[in-house]
Amino acid sequence: MAQAHETRNHKKKPFLREHSLSLVTGSILALWIILYIHWNEHSHWGSFFGNAIADWTGVVVTVIATKYLYEKGSAESRRPPKGPLQPVRRLLRQHSLSVFLIITGLVWILVFKRMDPNSKWGEVVGNVVSEWTQLFGMVILTKKLVEQHSKESHRGR
């Protein structure tokens, strides 16, 4: 009976197929981190790897966070499931992407505040803080603003 149910509409897809974007972007981020660890941050390549860490951290967070979290009114976010919830829980679910970015952004800021901004990892963490503000800004901006010919801007409007 379980087999018939799976073959109808819910055929289980392979793990790698379901999570390939997360795995590949995470692997690219890991590569940048490994290269940065072994490179002189004052060289062109070292500087590039440090910037790439911040940029690809943003990509990984975007891929994974928009897969599991929600932002009401944002074209970049998936839609929260419907169902009765208490007002506070509903608000937190509808804005879980913003809440996640704010809390983790504050953590990044605290980490950065305790670091030497000119140190090898201080520059990277400073760039991650910048990336987080960009991500949060895009979530907020895509709630109301649209861009002509953008698929995301036409969704649900």
N, C-alpha and C. Protein backbone atom coordinates (compact mmCIF):
# COMPACT_ATOMS: atom_id res chain seq x y z
N MET A 1 0.82 -1.19 0.00
CA MET A 1 0.00 0.00 0.00
C MET A 1 0.87 1.26 0.00
N ALA A 2 1.94 1.25 0.77
CA ALA A 2 2.83 2.41 0.79
C ALA A 2 3.47 2.64 -0.57
N GLN A 3 3.74 1.55 -1.28
CA GLN A 3 4.33 1.68 -2.62
C GLN A 3 3.38 2.37 -3.58
N ALA A 4 2.12 2.01 -3.52
CA ALA A 4 1.13 2.61 -4.41
C ALA A 4 1.04 4.11 -4.14
N HIS A 5 1.11 4.48 -2.87
CA HIS A 5 1.05 5.90 -2.52
C HIS A 5 2.26 6.65 -3.08
N GLU A 6 3.44 6.06 -2.99
CA GLU A 6 4.64 6.71 -3.49
C GLU A 6 4.63 6.85 -5.01
N THR A 7 4.11 5.87 -5.70
CA THR A 7 4.15 5.90 -7.16
C THR A 7 3.12 6.85 -7.73
N ARG A 8 2.06 7.14 -6.99
CA ARG A 8 1.05 8.05 -7.51
C ARG A 8 1.59 9.47 -7.68
N ASN A 9 1.80 10.17 -6.61
CA ASN A 9 2.24 11.57 -6.70
C ASN A 9 3.46 11.89 -5.86
N HIS A 10 3.82 11.02 -4.99
CA HIS A 10 4.84 11.34 -4.01
C HIS A 10 6.06 10.44 -4.16
N LYS A 11 6.46 10.19 -5.37
CA LYS A 11 7.64 9.36 -5.58
C LYS A 11 8.84 10.07 -4.97
N LYS A 12 9.53 9.36 -4.09
CA LYS A 12 10.68 9.95 -3.39
C LYS A 12 11.82 10.16 -4.37
N LYS A 13 12.32 11.43 -4.40
CA LYS A 13 13.43 11.77 -5.29
C LYS A 13 14.73 11.54 -4.54
N PRO A 14 15.79 11.24 -5.26
CA PRO A 14 17.08 11.02 -4.61
C PRO A 14 17.55 12.26 -3.85
N PHE A 15 18.24 12.02 -2.72
CA PHE A 15 18.73 13.10 -1.86
C PHE A 15 19.56 14.10 -2.64
N LEU A 16 20.49 13.61 -3.47
CA LEU A 16 21.36 14.52 -4.22
C LEU A 16 20.58 15.40 -5.17
N ARG A 17 19.53 14.87 -5.76
CA ARG A 17 18.72 15.67 -6.68
C ARG A 17 17.93 16.74 -5.92
N GLU A 18 17.43 16.38 -4.76
CA GLU A 18 16.62 17.31 -3.96
C GLU A 18 17.45 18.43 -3.34
N HIS A 19 18.72 18.18 -3.09
CA HIS A 19 19.54 19.15 -2.37
C HIS A 19 20.80 19.54 -3.14
N SER A 20 20.81 19.35 -4.44
CA SER A 20 22.02 19.58 -5.22
C SER A 20 22.49 21.03 -5.16
N LEU A 21 21.58 21.99 -5.20
CA LEU A 21 21.98 23.39 -5.15
C LEU A 21 22.63 23.73 -3.80
N SER A 22 22.03 23.27 -2.72
CA SER A 22 22.61 23.49 -1.38
C SER A 22 23.98 22.84 -1.27
N LEU A 23 24.11 21.61 -1.75
CA LEU A 23 25.37 20.89 -1.65
C LEU A 23 26.47 21.53 -2.49
N VAL A 24 26.13 21.94 -3.69
CA VAL A 24 27.15 22.53 -4.57
C VAL A 24 27.57 23.91 -4.05
N THR A 25 26.61 24.75 -3.67
CA THR A 25 26.99 26.08 -3.16
C THR A 25 27.76 25.95 -1.85
N GLY A 26 27.38 25.01 -1.00
CA GLY A 26 28.12 24.76 0.23
C GLY A 26 29.54 24.27 -0.04
N SER A 27 29.69 23.44 -1.06
CA SER A 27 31.02 22.94 -1.44
C SER A 27 31.90 24.06 -1.99
N ILE A 28 31.30 24.94 -2.77
CA ILE A 28 32.07 26.08 -3.29
C ILE A 28 32.52 26.97 -2.13
N LEU A 29 31.63 27.23 -1.18
CA LEU A 29 31.99 28.02 0.00
C LEU A 29 33.13 27.34 0.76
N ALA A 30 33.04 26.04 0.95
CA ALA A 30 34.10 25.30 1.65
C ALA A 30 35.44 25.43 0.90
N LEU A 31 35.39 25.38 -0.42
CA LEU A 31 36.61 25.55 -1.22
C LEU A 31 37.24 26.92 -0.97
N TRP A 32 36.43 27.98 -0.98
CA TRP A 32 36.96 29.33 -0.74
C TRP A 32 37.59 29.42 0.64
N ILE A 33 36.96 28.80 1.64
CA ILE A 33 37.49 28.84 3.01
C ILE A 33 38.84 28.12 3.06
N ILE A 34 38.90 26.93 2.47
CA ILE A 34 40.16 26.17 2.47
C ILE A 34 41.27 26.94 1.77
N LEU A 35 40.96 27.51 0.62
CA LEU A 35 41.97 28.28 -0.11
C LEU A 35 42.41 29.51 0.69
N TYR A 36 41.46 30.18 1.33
CA TYR A 36 41.80 31.38 2.11
C TYR A 36 42.69 31.03 3.30
N ILE A 37 42.42 29.91 3.95
CA ILE A 37 43.23 29.48 5.09
C ILE A 37 44.69 29.34 4.67
N HIS A 38 44.93 28.82 3.48
CA HIS A 38 46.28 28.50 3.02
C HIS A 38 46.93 29.59 2.17
N TRP A 39 46.24 30.71 1.99
CA TRP A 39 46.76 31.77 1.13
C TRP A 39 47.10 33.01 1.96
N ASN A 40 47.99 33.82 1.47
CA ASN A 40 48.32 35.09 2.10
C ASN A 40 47.20 36.08 1.76
N GLU A 41 46.54 36.59 2.79
CA GLU A 41 45.40 37.50 2.56
C GLU A 41 45.81 38.81 1.93
N HIS A 42 47.12 39.12 1.93
CA HIS A 42 47.59 40.36 1.33
C HIS A 42 47.91 40.21 -0.16
N SER A 43 47.78 38.99 -0.67
CA SER A 43 47.99 38.78 -2.11
C SER A 43 46.66 38.99 -2.83
N HIS A 44 46.72 39.12 -4.13
CA HIS A 44 45.49 39.29 -4.91
C HIS A 44 44.56 38.09 -4.72
N TRP A 45 45.12 36.89 -4.83
CA TRP A 45 44.30 35.69 -4.69
C TRP A 45 43.73 35.57 -3.28
N GLY A 46 44.55 35.85 -2.27
CA GLY A 46 44.06 35.78 -0.90
C GLY A 46 42.93 36.75 -0.66
N SER A 47 43.06 37.96 -1.17
CA SER A 47 42.00 38.96 -1.05
C SER A 47 40.73 38.48 -1.76
N PHE A 48 40.91 37.92 -2.94
CA PHE A 48 39.76 37.38 -3.69
C PHE A 48 39.06 36.28 -2.90
N PHE A 49 39.83 35.34 -2.34
CA PHE A 49 39.23 34.23 -1.59
C PHE A 49 38.47 34.75 -0.37
N GLY A 50 39.02 35.76 0.30
CA GLY A 50 38.32 36.34 1.45
C GLY A 50 36.99 36.97 1.06
N ASN A 51 36.98 37.71 -0.04
CA ASN A 51 35.72 38.30 -0.52
C ASN A 51 34.75 37.22 -0.98
N ALA A 52 35.28 36.19 -1.61
CA ALA A 52 34.43 35.10 -2.09
C ALA A 52 33.74 34.38 -0.94
N ILE A 53 34.43 34.28 0.20
CA ILE A 53 33.80 33.64 1.38
C ILE A 53 32.54 34.39 1.77
N ALA A 54 32.62 35.71 1.87
CA ALA A 54 31.45 36.50 2.25
C ALA A 54 30.34 36.37 1.20
N ASP A 55 30.71 36.49 -0.06
CA ASP A 55 29.71 36.42 -1.13
C ASP A 55 29.02 35.05 -1.16
N TRP A 56 29.80 34.00 -1.08
CA TRP A 56 29.23 32.65 -1.16
C TRP A 56 28.52 32.25 0.13
N THR A 57 28.89 32.87 1.26
CA THR A 57 28.11 32.65 2.48
C THR A 57 26.70 33.19 2.25
N GLY A 58 26.61 34.34 1.61
CA GLY A 58 25.30 34.91 1.28
C GLY A 58 24.52 34.02 0.33
N VAL A 59 25.19 33.45 -0.65
CA VAL A 59 24.52 32.54 -1.60
C VAL A 59 23.98 31.32 -0.86
N VAL A 60 24.81 30.72 -0.02
CA VAL A 60 24.38 29.51 0.71
C VAL A 60 23.20 29.84 1.62
N VAL A 61 23.27 30.95 2.33
CA VAL A 61 22.17 31.34 3.21
C VAL A 61 20.91 31.60 2.39
N THR A 62 21.04 32.27 1.26
CA THR A 62 19.88 32.53 0.41
C THR A 62 19.24 31.22 -0.05
N VAL A 63 20.05 30.29 -0.51
CA VAL A 63 19.52 29.01 -0.99
C VAL A 63 18.82 28.26 0.13
N ILE A 64 19.47 28.15 1.27
CA ILE A 64 18.91 27.33 2.35
C ILE A 64 17.80 28.06 3.10
N ALA A 65 18.01 29.32 3.42
CA ALA A 65 17.00 30.06 4.19
C ALA A 65 15.69 30.21 3.42
N THR A 66 15.76 30.50 2.12
CA THR A 66 14.52 30.65 1.36
C THR A 66 13.86 29.31 1.09
N LYS A 67 14.57 28.24 1.36
CA LYS A 67 13.99 26.90 1.22
C LYS A 67 13.12 26.55 2.43
N TYR A 68 13.51 27.05 3.60
CA TYR A 68 12.83 26.66 4.84
C TYR A 68 12.12 27.79 5.56
N LEU A 69 12.50 29.04 5.29
CA LEU A 69 11.93 30.17 6.02
C LEU A 69 11.00 30.97 5.11
N TYR A 70 10.22 31.85 5.71
CA TYR A 70 9.19 32.58 4.99
C TYR A 70 9.31 34.07 5.25
N GLU A 71 8.80 34.84 4.30
CA GLU A 71 8.68 36.28 4.51
C GLU A 71 7.43 36.75 3.79
N LYS A 72 6.44 37.09 4.55
CA LYS A 72 5.17 37.53 3.98
C LYS A 72 5.38 38.74 3.09
N GLY A 73 4.89 38.67 1.87
CA GLY A 73 4.95 39.78 0.94
C GLY A 73 6.22 39.87 0.12
N SER A 74 7.20 39.01 0.38
CA SER A 74 8.45 39.06 -0.36
C SER A 74 8.38 38.10 -1.55
N ALA A 75 8.69 38.61 -2.72
CA ALA A 75 8.69 37.76 -3.91
C ALA A 75 9.83 36.75 -3.87
N GLU A 76 10.85 37.00 -3.05
CA GLU A 76 12.01 36.12 -2.98
C GLU A 76 11.79 34.95 -2.03
N SER A 77 10.74 34.95 -1.26
CA SER A 77 10.51 33.94 -0.25
C SER A 77 9.39 33.00 -0.66
N ARG A 78 9.45 31.79 -0.16
CA ARG A 78 8.33 30.88 -0.38
C ARG A 78 7.17 31.29 0.52
N ARG A 79 6.02 30.76 0.26
CA ARG A 79 4.82 31.12 1.01
C ARG A 79 4.68 30.23 2.24
N PRO A 80 4.31 30.81 3.40
CA PRO A 80 4.12 29.97 4.59
C PRO A 80 2.87 29.11 4.45
N PRO A 81 2.90 27.95 5.08
CA PRO A 81 1.70 27.12 5.02
C PRO A 81 0.57 27.78 5.79
N LYS A 82 -0.63 27.53 5.34
CA LYS A 82 -1.79 28.12 6.01
C LYS A 82 -2.18 27.21 7.16
N GLY A 83 -2.82 27.79 8.12
CA GLY A 83 -3.28 27.02 9.27
C GLY A 83 -3.41 27.93 10.47
N PRO A 84 -4.27 27.53 11.41
CA PRO A 84 -4.50 28.39 12.57
C PRO A 84 -3.27 28.39 13.49
N LEU A 85 -2.87 29.59 13.89
CA LEU A 85 -1.78 29.76 14.84
C LEU A 85 -2.11 30.93 15.75
N GLN A 86 -1.49 30.94 16.92
CA GLN A 86 -1.63 32.09 17.81
C GLN A 86 -0.98 33.28 17.11
N PRO A 87 -1.45 34.51 17.39
CA PRO A 87 -0.95 35.69 16.67
C PRO A 87 0.57 35.85 16.69
N VAL A 88 1.22 35.62 17.82
CA VAL A 88 2.67 35.80 17.89
C VAL A 88 3.37 34.74 17.05
N ARG A 89 2.92 33.50 17.16
CA ARG A 89 3.53 32.42 16.36
C ARG A 89 3.29 32.65 14.87
N ARG A 90 2.11 33.13 14.49
CA ARG A 90 1.83 33.42 13.09
C ARG A 90 2.75 34.52 12.57
N LEU A 91 2.92 35.58 13.38
CA LEU A 91 3.81 36.68 13.00
C LEU A 91 5.25 36.17 12.83
N LEU A 92 5.72 35.37 13.77
CA LEU A 92 7.09 34.83 13.68
C LEU A 92 7.24 33.92 12.46
N ARG A 93 6.21 33.12 12.15
CA ARG A 93 6.31 32.25 10.98
C ARG A 93 6.29 33.07 9.70
N GLN A 94 5.40 34.06 9.62
CA GLN A 94 5.28 34.86 8.41
C GLN A 94 6.53 35.69 8.14
N HIS A 95 7.32 35.96 9.15
CA HIS A 95 8.51 36.78 9.01
C HIS A 95 9.77 36.05 9.50
N SER A 96 9.75 34.73 9.42
CA SER A 96 10.87 33.94 9.95
C SER A 96 12.17 34.23 9.21
N LEU A 97 12.11 34.56 7.94
CA LEU A 97 13.33 34.88 7.20
C LEU A 97 13.96 36.17 7.75
N SER A 98 13.16 37.20 7.96
CA SER A 98 13.68 38.45 8.54
C SER A 98 14.20 38.22 9.95
N VAL A 99 13.46 37.48 10.75
CA VAL A 99 13.89 37.20 12.12
C VAL A 99 15.24 36.48 12.11
N PHE A 100 15.37 35.48 11.25
CA PHE A 100 16.63 34.74 11.13
C PHE A 100 17.77 35.67 10.72
N LEU A 101 17.55 36.50 9.71
CA LEU A 101 18.60 37.39 9.24
C LEU A 101 18.97 38.45 10.29
N ILE A 102 17.99 38.94 11.02
CA ILE A 102 18.28 39.93 12.07
C ILE A 102 19.09 39.29 13.20
N ILE A 103 18.66 38.15 13.69
CA ILE A 103 19.37 37.50 14.81
C ILE A 103 20.77 37.10 14.39
N THR A 104 20.91 36.42 13.25
CA THR A 104 22.25 35.99 12.83
C THR A 104 23.10 37.19 12.44
N GLY A 105 22.47 38.24 11.90
CA GLY A 105 23.20 39.46 11.58
C GLY A 105 23.76 40.12 12.83
N LEU A 106 22.98 40.15 13.89
CA LEU A 106 23.47 40.69 15.16
C LEU A 106 24.63 39.87 15.71
N VAL A 107 24.55 38.56 15.55
CA VAL A 107 25.67 37.70 15.98
C VAL A 107 26.92 38.04 15.18
N TRP A 108 26.79 38.16 13.85
CA TRP A 108 27.94 38.53 13.02
C TRP A 108 28.51 39.89 13.44
N ILE A 109 27.65 40.84 13.75
CA ILE A 109 28.10 42.17 14.18
C ILE A 109 28.88 42.06 15.50
N LEU A 110 28.36 41.28 16.44
CA LEU A 110 29.07 41.10 17.72
C LEU A 110 30.43 40.44 17.51
N VAL A 111 30.48 39.44 16.64
CA VAL A 111 31.75 38.78 16.34
C VAL A 111 32.71 39.79 15.72
N PHE A 112 32.22 40.56 14.76
CA PHE A 112 33.06 41.55 14.07
C PHE A 112 33.56 42.61 15.05
N LYS A 113 32.69 43.04 15.97
CA LYS A 113 33.06 44.07 16.93
C LYS A 113 34.25 43.64 17.80
N ARG A 114 34.36 42.35 18.05
CA ARG A 114 35.44 41.84 18.90
C ARG A 114 36.71 41.52 18.12
N MET A 115 36.69 41.69 16.81
CA MET A 115 37.84 41.35 15.98
C MET A 115 38.58 42.60 15.55
N ASP A 116 39.82 42.40 15.17
CA ASP A 116 40.58 43.46 14.52
C ASP A 116 40.09 43.50 13.08
N PRO A 117 39.48 44.61 12.64
CA PRO A 117 38.91 44.65 11.29
C PRO A 117 39.98 44.51 10.19
N ASN A 118 41.24 44.72 10.54
CA ASN A 118 42.31 44.59 9.55
C ASN A 118 43.00 43.24 9.59
N SER A 119 42.55 42.35 10.49
CA SER A 119 43.14 41.02 10.55
C SER A 119 42.62 40.17 9.39
N LYS A 120 43.24 39.03 9.18
CA LYS A 120 42.87 38.15 8.07
C LYS A 120 41.37 37.82 8.12
N TRP A 121 40.88 37.33 9.25
CA TRP A 121 39.48 36.94 9.34
C TRP A 121 38.57 38.13 9.66
N GLY A 122 39.13 39.20 10.22
CA GLY A 122 38.33 40.39 10.50
C GLY A 122 37.76 41.00 9.23
N GLU A 123 38.55 41.03 8.18
CA GLU A 123 38.07 41.55 6.90
C GLU A 123 36.95 40.67 6.33
N VAL A 124 37.13 39.37 6.46
CA VAL A 124 36.11 38.44 5.96
C VAL A 124 34.81 38.63 6.73
N VAL A 125 34.88 38.67 8.05
CA VAL A 125 33.67 38.83 8.87
C VAL A 125 33.02 40.18 8.59
N GLY A 126 33.81 41.22 8.39
CA GLY A 126 33.24 42.51 8.00
C GLY A 126 32.48 42.42 6.69
N ASN A 127 33.01 41.67 5.75
CA ASN A 127 32.32 41.47 4.47
C ASN A 127 31.05 40.64 4.66
N VAL A 128 31.08 39.68 5.58
CA VAL A 128 29.87 38.89 5.86
C VAL A 128 28.79 39.79 6.45
N VAL A 129 29.16 40.69 7.35
CA VAL A 129 28.19 41.64 7.92
C VAL A 129 27.56 42.45 6.78
N SER A 130 28.38 42.90 5.86
CA SER A 130 27.87 43.65 4.71
C SER A 130 26.91 42.78 3.89
N GLU A 131 27.28 41.54 3.66
CA GLU A 131 26.44 40.61 2.90
C GLU A 131 25.09 40.43 3.59
N TRP A 132 25.10 40.32 4.92
CA TRP A 132 23.86 40.13 5.67
C TRP A 132 22.94 41.33 5.52
N THR A 133 23.52 42.54 5.54
CA THR A 133 22.68 43.72 5.37
C THR A 133 22.08 43.74 3.96
N GLN A 134 22.84 43.27 2.98
CA GLN A 134 22.30 43.18 1.61
C GLN A 134 21.15 42.18 1.55
N LEU A 135 21.33 41.02 2.16
CA LEU A 135 20.27 40.00 2.13
C LEU A 135 19.01 40.52 2.81
N PHE A 136 19.17 41.10 3.99
CA PHE A 136 18.01 41.62 4.71
C PHE A 136 17.36 42.75 3.91
N GLY A 137 18.18 43.61 3.32
CA GLY A 137 17.65 44.69 2.49
C GLY A 137 16.84 44.17 1.32
N MET A 138 17.32 43.13 0.66
CA MET A 138 16.58 42.58 -0.48
C MET A 138 15.26 41.97 -0.03
N VAL A 139 15.25 41.31 1.12
CA VAL A 139 14.00 40.75 1.63
C VAL A 139 12.99 41.86 1.87
N ILE A 140 13.42 42.92 2.51
CA ILE A 140 12.52 44.04 2.80
C ILE A 140 12.09 44.75 1.52
N LEU A 141 13.04 45.01 0.63
CA LEU A 141 12.72 45.74 -0.61
C LEU A 141 11.77 44.95 -1.52
N THR A 142 11.93 43.62 -1.57
CA THR A 142 11.08 42.84 -2.47
C THR A 142 9.67 42.63 -1.93
N LYS A 143 9.38 43.15 -0.74
CA LYS A 143 8.02 43.07 -0.22
C LYS A 143 7.08 43.96 -1.02
N LYS A 144 7.55 45.13 -1.41
CA LYS A 144 6.68 46.10 -2.07
C LYS A 144 7.17 46.56 -3.44
N LEU A 145 8.45 46.51 -3.65
CA LEU A 145 9.01 47.02 -4.90
C LEU A 145 9.07 45.91 -5.95
N VAL A 146 8.91 46.26 -7.19
CA VAL A 146 8.94 45.29 -8.28
C VAL A 146 9.91 45.76 -9.35
N GLU A 147 10.27 44.85 -10.20
CA GLU A 147 11.15 45.14 -11.33
C GLU A 147 10.49 44.57 -12.59
N GLN A 148 10.27 45.42 -13.57
CA GLN A 148 9.61 45.01 -14.81
C GLN A 148 10.35 43.83 -15.42
N HIS A 149 9.61 42.86 -15.90
CA HIS A 149 10.10 41.65 -16.57
C HIS A 149 10.79 40.66 -15.64
N SER A 150 10.66 40.84 -14.34
CA SER A 150 11.24 39.90 -13.38
C SER A 150 10.18 38.85 -13.04
N LYS A 151 10.55 37.60 -13.12
CA LYS A 151 9.61 36.52 -12.78
C LYS A 151 9.14 36.64 -11.33
N GLU A 152 10.09 36.97 -10.43
CA GLU A 152 9.73 37.08 -9.02
C GLU A 152 8.73 38.19 -8.79
N SER A 153 8.83 39.29 -9.51
CA SER A 153 7.94 40.41 -9.30
C SER A 153 6.53 40.13 -9.83
N HIS A 154 6.40 39.20 -10.73
CA HIS A 154 5.07 38.87 -11.26
C HIS A 154 4.37 37.83 -10.42
N ARG A 155 5.11 37.09 -9.60
CA ARG A 155 4.54 36.03 -8.81
C ARG A 155 3.62 36.61 -7.75
N GLY A 156 2.39 36.19 -7.77
CA GLY A 156 1.43 36.54 -6.74
C GLY A 156 1.03 38.01 -6.69
N ARG A 157 1.26 38.76 -7.71
CA ARG A 157 0.90 40.19 -7.69
C ARG A 157 -0.30 40.43 -8.57
